[in-house]
């Protein structure tokens, strides 16, 4: 299966993919989708793990500055993702530098 993200931060191929903290597989390819200019992350999920079609894929960080990984939160749909399917719900990486920049600029604007 694959998912699109506007920002993957420092996610790398072979990063872990976890659901409820359990390792379900590793990230396969990461490519730039030149149609919408988003990162397309391919995940080779083990066949024994069935995920609903409304699963949420998020780029998360282990600890404050740890490795980044994909977290999968299954939804409630009865239909399951099929081989080659797409996870439609995604949440991009939180980039620490962007957060710090926003905080600094908001402080500078404050009287």
C-alpha atoms as a PDB file:
ATOM      1  CA  UNK A   1       0.000   0.000   0.000  1.00  0.00           C
ATOM      2  CA  UNK A   2       1.061   3.613  -0.278  1.00  0.00           C
ATOM      3  CA  UNK A   3       0.269   7.005   1.249  1.00  0.00           C
ATOM      4  CA  UNK A   4       0.989  10.614   0.285  1.00  0.00           C
ATOM      5  CA  UNK A   5       2.443  13.213   2.655  1.00  0.00           C
ATOM      6  CA  UNK A   6       3.141  16.910   2.124  1.00  0.00           C
ATOM      7  CA  UNK A   7       6.253  16.569   4.319  1.00  0.00           C
ATOM      8  CA  UNK A   8       8.002  13.396   5.468  1.00  0.00           C
ATOM      9  CA  UNK A   9      10.658  15.155   7.542  1.00  0.00           C
ATOM     10  CA  UNK A  10      13.606  12.792   8.013  1.00  0.00           C
ATOM     11  CA  UNK A  11      11.744   9.577   7.161  1.00  0.00           C
ATOM     12  CA  UNK A  12      13.999   7.140   5.306  1.00  0.00           C
ATOM     13  CA  UNK A  13      13.492   3.866   3.443  1.00  0.00           C
ATOM     14  CA  UNK A  14      13.691   0.987   5.943  1.00  0.00           C
ATOM     15  CA  UNK A  15      12.114   3.164   8.681  1.00  0.00           C
ATOM     16  CA  UNK A  16       9.667   1.209  10.802  1.00  0.00           C
ATOM     17  CA  UNK A  17       5.909   1.174  10.369  1.00  0.00           C
ATOM     18  CA  UNK A  18       4.009   0.614  13.598  1.00  0.00           C
ATOM     19  CA  UNK A  19       0.407   0.117  14.633  1.00  0.00           C
ATOM     20  CA  UNK A  20      -0.382   0.322  18.366  1.00  0.00           C
ATOM     21  CA  UNK A  21       3.396   0.368  18.884  1.00  0.00           C
ATOM     22  CA  UNK A  22       3.833  -3.006  17.159  1.00  0.00           C
ATOM     23  CA  UNK A  23       6.240  -3.233  14.229  1.00  0.00           C
ATOM     24  CA  UNK A  24       4.177  -4.337  11.224  1.00  0.00           C
ATOM     25  CA  UNK A  25       6.791  -3.816   8.494  1.00  0.00           C
ATOM     26  CA  UNK A  26       9.331  -1.352   7.117  1.00  0.00           C
ATOM     27  CA  UNK A  27       9.006   1.550   4.686  1.00  0.00           C
ATOM     28  CA  UNK A  28       9.756   0.503   1.106  1.00  0.00           C
ATOM     29  CA  UNK A  29      10.264   3.281  -1.440  1.00  0.00           C
ATOM     30  CA  UNK A  30       9.920   7.013  -0.954  1.00  0.00           C
ATOM     31  CA  UNK A  31       9.349   8.960  -4.165  1.00  0.00           C
ATOM     32  CA  UNK A  32       8.241  12.447  -5.147  1.00  0.00           C
ATOM     33  CA  UNK A  33       4.861  12.337  -6.855  1.00  0.00           C
ATOM     34  CA  UNK A  34       5.385  14.982  -9.553  1.00  0.00           C
ATOM     35  CA  UNK A  35       1.642  15.312 -10.193  1.00  0.00           C
ATOM     36  CA  UNK A  36       0.861  16.834  -6.808  1.00  0.00           C
ATOM     37  CA  UNK A  37       4.415  17.358  -5.473  1.00  0.00           C
ATOM     38  CA  UNK A  38       3.929  15.241  -2.400  1.00  0.00           C
ATOM     39  CA  UNK A  39       6.042  12.413  -1.047  1.00  0.00           C
ATOM     40  CA  UNK A  40       4.668   8.966  -1.876  1.00  0.00           C
ATOM     41  CA  UNK A  41       5.637   6.380   0.728  1.00  0.00           C
ATOM     42  CA  UNK A  42       5.287   2.716  -0.201  1.00  0.00           C
ATOM     43  CA  UNK A  43       4.733   0.234   2.627  1.00  0.00           C
ATOM     44  CA  UNK A  44       5.138  -3.520   2.251  1.00  0.00           C
ATOM     45  CA  UNK A  45       2.683  -4.558   4.963  1.00  0.00           C
ATOM     46  CA  UNK A  46       2.716  -8.196   6.039  1.00  0.00           C
ATOM     47  CA  UNK A  47      -0.362 -10.079   4.727  1.00  0.00           C
ATOM     48  CA  UNK A  48      -1.343 -11.167   8.251  1.00  0.00           C
ATOM     49  CA  UNK A  49      -2.139  -7.536   9.139  1.00  0.00           C
ATOM     50  CA  UNK A  50      -5.399  -6.336   7.590  1.00  0.00           C
ATOM     51  CA  UNK A  51      -6.040  -2.593   7.737  1.00  0.00           C
ATOM     52  CA  UNK A  52      -9.384  -0.830   7.191  1.00  0.00           C
ATOM     53  CA  UNK A  53      -9.675   1.524   4.210  1.00  0.00           C
ATOM     54  CA  UNK A  54     -10.003   4.523   6.557  1.00  0.00           C
ATOM     55  CA  UNK A  55      -6.674   3.889   8.307  1.00  0.00           C
ATOM     56  CA  UNK A  56      -4.698   7.037   9.244  1.00  0.00           C
ATOM     57  CA  UNK A  57      -0.975   7.092   8.407  1.00  0.00           C
ATOM     58  CA  UNK A  58       1.115   9.615  10.371  1.00  0.00           C
ATOM     59  CA  UNK A  59       4.801  10.488  10.345  1.00  0.00           C
ATOM     60  CA  UNK A  60       5.830  10.314  14.009  1.00  0.00           C
ATOM     61  CA  UNK A  61       9.055  10.720  15.955  1.00  0.00           C
ATOM     62  CA  UNK A  62      10.354   8.292  18.537  1.00  0.00           C
ATOM     63  CA  UNK A  63      11.048  10.492  21.566  1.00  0.00           C
ATOM     64  CA  UNK A  64      11.912  14.188  21.235  1.00  0.00           C
ATOM     65  CA  UNK A  65      14.657  13.897  18.616  1.00  0.00           C
ATOM     66  CA  UNK A  66      14.561  10.180  17.786  1.00  0.00           C
ATOM     67  CA  UNK A  67      14.056   8.376  14.513  1.00  0.00           C
ATOM     68  CA  UNK A  68      10.977   9.032  12.438  1.00  0.00           C
ATOM     69  CA  UNK A  69       8.551   6.258  11.595  1.00  0.00           C
ATOM     70  CA  UNK A  70       5.084   5.749  10.123  1.00  0.00           C
ATOM     71  CA  UNK A  71       2.312   5.186  12.642  1.00  0.00           C
ATOM     72  CA  UNK A  72      -0.863   3.496  11.434  1.00  0.00           C
ATOM     73  CA  UNK A  73      -4.128   4.043  13.289  1.00  0.00           C
ATOM     74  CA  UNK A  74      -6.842   1.719  11.947  1.00  0.00           C
ATOM     75  CA  UNK A  75     -10.263   3.232  11.353  1.00  0.00           C
ATOM     76  CA  UNK A  76     -13.679   1.638  11.681  1.00  0.00           C
ATOM     77  CA  UNK A  77     -14.518   0.707   8.076  1.00  0.00           C
ATOM     78  CA  UNK A  78     -15.340  -2.919   7.370  1.00  0.00           C
ATOM     79  CA  UNK A  79     -13.615  -2.890   3.960  1.00  0.00           C
ATOM     80  CA  UNK A  80      -9.897  -3.644   4.115  1.00  0.00           C
ATOM     81  CA  UNK A  81      -7.040  -2.131   2.112  1.00  0.00           C
ATOM     82  CA  UNK A  82      -6.053  -4.296  -0.811  1.00  0.00           C
ATOM     83  CA  UNK A  83      -2.583  -4.964  -2.174  1.00  0.00           C
ATOM     84  CA  UNK A  84      -1.510  -1.837  -4.066  1.00  0.00           C
ATOM     85  CA  UNK A  85      -4.208   0.249  -2.360  1.00  0.00           C
ATOM     86  CA  UNK A  86      -3.845   3.776  -1.047  1.00  0.00           C
ATOM     87  CA  UNK A  87      -4.195   5.122   2.472  1.00  0.00           C
ATOM     88  CA  UNK A  88      -6.205   8.309   1.906  1.00  0.00           C
ATOM     89  CA  UNK A  89      -5.863   9.783   5.414  1.00  0.00           C
ATOM     90  CA  UNK A  90      -2.376  11.000   6.255  1.00  0.00           C
ATOM     91  CA  UNK A  91      -0.725  13.381   8.668  1.00  0.00           C
ATOM     92  CA  UNK A  92       2.651  14.833   7.724  1.00  0.00           C
ATOM     93  CA  UNK A  93       5.751  15.159   9.868  1.00  0.00           C
ATOM     94  CA  UNK A  94       6.037  17.970  12.377  1.00  0.00           C
ATOM     95  CA  UNK A  95       9.287  19.716  11.518  1.00  0.00           C
ATOM     96  CA  UNK A  96      10.944  21.054  14.667  1.00  0.00           C
ATOM     97  CA  UNK A  97      12.690  23.891  12.823  1.00  0.00           C
ATOM     98  CA  UNK A  98       9.359  25.137  11.425  1.00  0.00           C
ATOM     99  CA  UNK A  99       7.756  25.077  14.883  1.00  0.00           C
ATOM    100  CA  UNK A 100      10.657  27.034  16.383  1.00  0.00           C
ATOM    101  CA  UNK A 101      10.511  29.533  13.518  1.00  0.00           C
ATOM    102  CA  UNK A 102       6.789  30.096  14.065  1.00  0.00           C
ATOM    103  CA  UNK A 103       7.318  30.596  17.796  1.00  0.00           C
ATOM    104  CA  UNK A 104      10.099  33.114  17.216  1.00  0.00           C
ATOM    105  CA  UNK A 105       8.099  35.091  14.663  1.00  0.00           C
ATOM    106  CA  UNK A 106       4.996  35.162  16.899  1.00  0.00           C
ATOM    107  CA  UNK A 107       7.122  36.407  19.823  1.00  0.00           C
ATOM    108  CA  UNK A 108       8.639  39.112  17.600  1.00  0.00           C
ATOM    109  CA  UNK A 109       5.149  40.283  16.566  1.00  0.00           C
ATOM    110  CA  UNK A 110       3.889  40.470  20.155  1.00  0.00           C
ATOM    111  CA  UNK A 111       4.028  43.945  21.774  1.00  0.00           C
END
